[in-house]
Amino acid sequence: MKPNVKGAIAIAMDYLRSLDDLLPADQLRLEETIREDNGRWLITLSYREPGNLDERSYKILEVDPEQKEVLSMRIRVPTSTIDGGHF
């Protein structure tokens, strides 16, 4: 069975947590989810790096629902605030 959005989020969070020795993250938080036409999920997570209380770092993780694994992780730089549902 293919994971729903909750399953895809869990896969992404588990993956990021597994990198704790390489990418220490504090206060992991879900920011957004997007289901692509090919059925894969783009899960954006944010976290605070140790010692930095003012800014969050953002990662986009691409989750393959059939393989139940993260295929890629990219840096996401917030550019603007979404206003009224427009991107």
Protein backbone atom coordinates (compact mmCIF):
# COMPACT_ATOMS: atom_id res chain seq x y z
CA MET A 1 0.00 0.00 0.00
CA LYS A 2 1.28 3.46 -0.91
CA PRO A 3 1.72 5.80 2.05
CA ASN A 4 -0.70 8.68 2.39
CA VAL A 5 0.56 12.14 3.27
CA LYS A 6 1.07 11.14 6.92
CA GLY A 7 3.17 8.18 5.84
CA ALA A 8 5.26 10.35 3.51
CA ILE A 9 5.83 12.88 6.31
CA ALA A 10 6.95 10.11 8.66
CA ILE A 11 9.41 8.79 6.04
CA ALA A 12 10.84 12.30 5.50
CA MET A 13 11.15 13.05 9.23
CA ASP A 14 12.75 9.68 9.98
CA TYR A 15 15.26 10.26 7.19
CA LEU A 16 16.24 13.72 8.43
CA ARG A 17 16.54 12.45 12.01
CA SER A 18 18.79 9.62 10.81
CA LEU A 19 21.29 12.25 9.63
CA ASP A 20 21.63 13.75 13.11
CA ASP A 21 25.38 13.09 13.29
CA LEU A 22 25.88 14.93 9.95
CA LEU A 23 23.04 17.43 10.12
CA PRO A 24 22.12 18.23 13.73
CA ALA A 25 18.56 19.54 13.77
CA ASP A 26 16.55 20.88 16.68
CA GLN A 27 12.78 21.41 16.77
CA LEU A 28 11.95 19.63 13.51
CA ARG A 29 8.75 21.06 12.04
CA LEU A 30 6.53 20.28 9.06
CA GLU A 31 6.14 23.27 6.73
CA GLU A 32 4.36 22.01 3.60
CA THR A 33 3.43 18.96 1.54
CA ILE A 34 2.92 18.69 -2.21
CA ARG A 35 1.87 15.59 -4.12
CA GLU A 36 3.37 15.62 -7.60
CA ASP A 37 1.66 14.28 -10.72
CA ASN A 38 3.98 11.25 -10.68
CA GLY A 39 2.67 10.31 -7.20
CA ARG A 40 5.78 11.34 -5.30
CA TRP A 41 5.59 13.66 -2.31
CA LEU A 42 7.61 16.83 -1.75
CA ILE A 43 7.81 17.33 2.00
CA THR A 44 9.28 20.59 3.32
CA LEU A 45 10.68 20.39 6.85
CA SER A 46 12.36 23.09 8.88
CA TYR A 47 14.61 22.98 11.91
CA ARG A 48 16.87 25.09 14.06
CA GLU A 49 20.56 24.42 13.91
CA PRO A 50 22.20 24.14 17.34
CA GLY A 51 23.12 27.55 18.72
CA ASN A 52 20.89 29.46 16.28
CA LEU A 53 17.64 30.51 17.96
CA ASP A 54 16.47 33.12 15.45
CA GLU A 55 16.49 31.38 12.06
CA ARG A 56 15.22 28.12 10.67
CA SER A 57 16.78 26.02 7.92
CA TYR A 58 14.49 24.41 5.34
CA LYS A 59 14.83 21.15 3.41
CA ILE A 60 12.63 19.70 0.69
CA LEU A 61 12.60 15.91 0.72
CA GLU A 62 11.24 13.97 -2.25
CA VAL A 63 9.56 10.77 -1.06
CA ASP A 64 8.82 7.83 -3.36
CA PRO A 65 5.62 6.24 -2.02
CA GLU A 66 6.19 2.90 -3.73
CA GLN A 67 9.74 2.41 -2.41
CA LYS A 68 8.92 4.19 0.88
CA GLU A 69 12.20 6.08 0.74
CA VAL A 70 13.63 9.56 0.32
CA LEU A 71 15.03 10.04 -3.18
CA SER A 72 16.47 13.52 -2.75
CA MET A 73 16.94 16.33 -0.27
CA ARG A 74 17.32 19.94 -1.35
CA ILE A 75 17.82 23.25 0.38
CA ARG A 76 14.76 25.49 0.31
CA VAL A 77 15.26 29.21 0.65
CA PRO A 78 12.02 30.99 1.56
CA THR A 79 11.44 33.83 -0.89
CA SER A 80 8.14 35.33 0.12
CA THR A 81 5.04 34.88 2.21
CA ILE A 82 2.02 33.24 0.64
CA ASP A 83 -0.82 35.75 0.57
CA GLY A 84 -4.40 34.63 0.13
CA GLY A 85 -3.46 31.27 -1.32
CA HIS A 86 -1.43 32.62 -4.23
CA PHE A 87 2.05 31.26 -4.85
